[in-house]
């Protein structure tokens, strides 16, 4: 969901400040419009499969509009070790494509068919 983090995301805050410095609050990502999660390209066509990264290209062109985001590129570069460790922990805990896809399917199956027509 590369585009979702770069162009379809609000940064919100939860918790109340414990002091004037506000250290009791946490910034949270509040995404919306998650169409890139299902393989939609920038024109709205379902063309991509699972596993694309924010640095991938197709025919020499960027895949996701958010690929050139200075903010997210800087965060990826600054926290690459932490991101790698978190990824390894999630995989070791059993998170994988099949589990994630099943959760999407279960959630989506609860919605009435009229939404999709």
C-alpha atoms as a PDB file:
ATOM      1  CA  UNK A   1       0.000   0.000   0.000  1.00  0.00           C
ATOM      2  CA  UNK A   2       2.808   2.334  -0.958  1.00  0.00           C
ATOM      3  CA  UNK A   3       0.548   5.046  -2.357  1.00  0.00           C
ATOM      4  CA  UNK A   4      -1.719   4.902   0.668  1.00  0.00           C
ATOM      5  CA  UNK A   5       1.061   5.937   3.022  1.00  0.00           C
ATOM      6  CA  UNK A   6       2.266   8.711   0.736  1.00  0.00           C
ATOM      7  CA  UNK A   7      -0.905  10.347  -0.531  1.00  0.00           C
ATOM      8  CA  UNK A   8      -3.838   8.754   1.295  1.00  0.00           C
ATOM      9  CA  UNK A   9      -2.836   9.158   4.902  1.00  0.00           C
ATOM     10  CA  UNK A  10      -3.650  11.437   7.772  1.00  0.00           C
ATOM     11  CA  UNK A  11      -1.242  11.736  10.653  1.00  0.00           C
ATOM     12  CA  UNK A  12      -3.320  11.775  13.821  1.00  0.00           C
ATOM     13  CA  UNK A  13      -2.550  11.919  17.499  1.00  0.00           C
ATOM     14  CA  UNK A  14      -3.924   9.723  20.267  1.00  0.00           C
ATOM     15  CA  UNK A  15      -3.642  10.159  23.989  1.00  0.00           C
ATOM     16  CA  UNK A  16      -3.466  13.291  26.016  1.00  0.00           C
ATOM     17  CA  UNK A  17      -0.315  15.257  26.721  1.00  0.00           C
ATOM     18  CA  UNK A  18       1.215  14.258  30.037  1.00  0.00           C
ATOM     19  CA  UNK A  19       3.153  17.490  30.244  1.00  0.00           C
ATOM     20  CA  UNK A  20       3.870  20.581  28.264  1.00  0.00           C
ATOM     21  CA  UNK A  21       6.233  18.542  26.070  1.00  0.00           C
ATOM     22  CA  UNK A  22       3.334  16.300  24.986  1.00  0.00           C
ATOM     23  CA  UNK A  23       5.243  13.058  25.533  1.00  0.00           C
ATOM     24  CA  UNK A  24       2.042  11.242  26.477  1.00  0.00           C
ATOM     25  CA  UNK A  25       0.737  11.472  22.927  1.00  0.00           C
ATOM     26  CA  UNK A  26       1.520   9.155  20.046  1.00  0.00           C
ATOM     27  CA  UNK A  27       1.351   9.931  16.358  1.00  0.00           C
ATOM     28  CA  UNK A  28      -0.608   7.336  14.416  1.00  0.00           C
ATOM     29  CA  UNK A  29      -1.108   6.726  10.717  1.00  0.00           C
ATOM     30  CA  UNK A  30      -4.754   6.937   9.680  1.00  0.00           C
ATOM     31  CA  UNK A  31      -4.947   5.636   6.112  1.00  0.00           C
ATOM     32  CA  UNK A  32      -7.891   5.810   3.718  1.00  0.00           C
ATOM     33  CA  UNK A  33      -8.500   4.849   0.078  1.00  0.00           C
ATOM     34  CA  UNK A  34      -6.497   1.635   0.238  1.00  0.00           C
ATOM     35  CA  UNK A  35      -6.887   0.627  -3.420  1.00  0.00           C
ATOM     36  CA  UNK A  36      -3.205  -0.101  -3.963  1.00  0.00           C
ATOM     37  CA  UNK A  37      -3.585  -2.961  -1.459  1.00  0.00           C
ATOM     38  CA  UNK A  38      -5.431  -4.965  -4.099  1.00  0.00           C
ATOM     39  CA  UNK A  39      -3.078  -4.247  -7.003  1.00  0.00           C
ATOM     40  CA  UNK A  40      -4.684  -1.161  -8.530  1.00  0.00           C
ATOM     41  CA  UNK A  41      -2.365   1.000 -10.580  1.00  0.00           C
ATOM     42  CA  UNK A  42      -2.469   4.802 -10.766  1.00  0.00           C
ATOM     43  CA  UNK A  43      -5.129   4.619 -13.504  1.00  0.00           C
ATOM     44  CA  UNK A  44      -7.478   2.425 -11.443  1.00  0.00           C
ATOM     45  CA  UNK A  45      -6.779  -0.875 -13.227  1.00  0.00           C
ATOM     46  CA  UNK A  46      -6.101  -4.106 -11.310  1.00  0.00           C
ATOM     47  CA  UNK A  47      -2.749  -5.043 -12.809  1.00  0.00           C
ATOM     48  CA  UNK A  48      -0.277  -5.663  -9.998  1.00  0.00           C
ATOM     49  CA  UNK A  49       0.321  -8.728  -7.916  1.00  0.00           C
ATOM     50  CA  UNK A  50       1.357  -9.001  -4.292  1.00  0.00           C
ATOM     51  CA  UNK A  51       4.875  -8.152  -3.240  1.00  0.00           C
ATOM     52  CA  UNK A  52       5.717  -4.875  -4.949  1.00  0.00           C
ATOM     53  CA  UNK A  53       7.942  -2.513  -3.010  1.00  0.00           C
ATOM     54  CA  UNK A  54       8.072   1.254  -3.023  1.00  0.00           C
ATOM     55  CA  UNK A  55      11.299   1.161  -5.022  1.00  0.00           C
ATOM     56  CA  UNK A  56      10.049  -1.110  -7.833  1.00  0.00           C
ATOM     57  CA  UNK A  57       9.767   0.028 -11.432  1.00  0.00           C
ATOM     58  CA  UNK A  58       7.834  -1.326 -14.394  1.00  0.00           C
ATOM     59  CA  UNK A  59       9.297  -0.700 -17.851  1.00  0.00           C
ATOM     60  CA  UNK A  60      11.584   1.893 -16.259  1.00  0.00           C
ATOM     61  CA  UNK A  61       8.650   3.877 -14.814  1.00  0.00           C
ATOM     62  CA  UNK A  62       7.646   4.278 -11.194  1.00  0.00           C
ATOM     63  CA  UNK A  63       4.742   2.084 -10.150  1.00  0.00           C
ATOM     64  CA  UNK A  64       3.362   4.156  -7.291  1.00  0.00           C
ATOM     65  CA  UNK A  65       2.750   7.914  -7.232  1.00  0.00           C
ATOM     66  CA  UNK A  66       4.142   8.065  -3.706  1.00  0.00           C
ATOM     67  CA  UNK A  67       7.425   6.519  -4.729  1.00  0.00           C
ATOM     68  CA  UNK A  68       9.233   9.859  -4.795  1.00  0.00           C
ATOM     69  CA  UNK A  69       7.950  11.042  -1.416  1.00  0.00           C
ATOM     70  CA  UNK A  70      10.826  12.760   0.364  1.00  0.00           C
ATOM     71  CA  UNK A  71       9.213  12.148   3.763  1.00  0.00           C
ATOM     72  CA  UNK A  72       8.791   8.382   3.319  1.00  0.00           C
ATOM     73  CA  UNK A  73      12.115   7.908   1.557  1.00  0.00           C
ATOM     74  CA  UNK A  74      13.868   9.688   4.425  1.00  0.00           C
ATOM     75  CA  UNK A  75      12.020   7.581   7.012  1.00  0.00           C
ATOM     76  CA  UNK A  76      12.885   4.373   5.156  1.00  0.00           C
ATOM     77  CA  UNK A  77      16.539   5.379   4.982  1.00  0.00           C
ATOM     78  CA  UNK A  78      16.743   6.581   8.596  1.00  0.00           C
ATOM     79  CA  UNK A  79      14.992   3.541  10.088  1.00  0.00           C
ATOM     80  CA  UNK A  80      15.994   0.761   7.688  1.00  0.00           C
ATOM     81  CA  UNK A  81      17.391  -1.433  10.480  1.00  0.00           C
ATOM     82  CA  UNK A  82      14.269  -1.032  12.629  1.00  0.00           C
ATOM     83  CA  UNK A  83      11.993  -1.714   9.652  1.00  0.00           C
ATOM     84  CA  UNK A  84      13.974  -4.863   8.825  1.00  0.00           C
ATOM     85  CA  UNK A  85      13.761  -6.061  12.456  1.00  0.00           C
ATOM     86  CA  UNK A  86      10.026  -5.396  12.623  1.00  0.00           C
ATOM     87  CA  UNK A  87       9.486  -7.263   9.361  1.00  0.00           C
ATOM     88  CA  UNK A  88      11.468 -10.252  10.642  1.00  0.00           C
ATOM     89  CA  UNK A  89       9.479 -10.269  13.905  1.00  0.00           C
ATOM     90  CA  UNK A  90       6.156 -10.170  12.046  1.00  0.00           C
ATOM     91  CA  UNK A  91       7.211 -13.021   9.749  1.00  0.00           C
ATOM     92  CA  UNK A  92       8.493 -15.074  12.698  1.00  0.00           C
ATOM     93  CA  UNK A  93       5.136 -14.537  14.441  1.00  0.00           C
ATOM     94  CA  UNK A  94       3.365 -16.076  11.434  1.00  0.00           C
ATOM     95  CA  UNK A  95       2.290 -13.051   9.416  1.00  0.00           C
ATOM     96  CA  UNK A  96       2.294 -13.939   5.739  1.00  0.00           C
ATOM     97  CA  UNK A  97       0.430 -13.199   2.516  1.00  0.00           C
ATOM     98  CA  UNK A  98      -2.112 -15.988   2.953  1.00  0.00           C
ATOM     99  CA  UNK A  99      -3.081 -14.889   6.464  1.00  0.00           C
ATOM    100  CA  UNK A 100      -3.340 -11.241   5.448  1.00  0.00           C
ATOM    101  CA  UNK A 101      -5.355 -12.002   2.317  1.00  0.00           C
ATOM    102  CA  UNK A 102      -7.752 -14.201   4.295  1.00  0.00           C
ATOM    103  CA  UNK A 103      -8.353 -11.367   6.748  1.00  0.00           C
ATOM    104  CA  UNK A 104      -9.189  -9.014   3.882  1.00  0.00           C
ATOM    105  CA  UNK A 105     -11.523 -11.604   2.367  1.00  0.00           C
ATOM    106  CA  UNK A 106     -13.284 -12.272   5.688  1.00  0.00           C
ATOM    107  CA  UNK A 107     -13.791  -8.572   6.297  1.00  0.00           C
ATOM    108  CA  UNK A 108     -14.976  -7.939   2.762  1.00  0.00           C
ATOM    109  CA  UNK A 109     -17.411 -10.871   2.855  1.00  0.00           C
ATOM    110  CA  UNK A 110     -19.345  -9.135   5.657  1.00  0.00           C
ATOM    111  CA  UNK A 111     -20.265  -6.235   3.387  1.00  0.00           C
ATOM    112  CA  UNK A 112     -23.528  -6.445   1.418  1.00  0.00           C
ATOM    113  CA  UNK A 113     -23.280  -7.330  -2.245  1.00  0.00           C
ATOM    114  CA  UNK A 114     -24.942  -4.028  -3.194  1.00  0.00           C
ATOM    115  CA  UNK A 115     -21.728  -2.171  -2.293  1.00  0.00           C
ATOM    116  CA  UNK A 116     -19.864  -3.982  -5.048  1.00  0.00           C
ATOM    117  CA  UNK A 117     -22.474  -3.472  -7.786  1.00  0.00           C
END
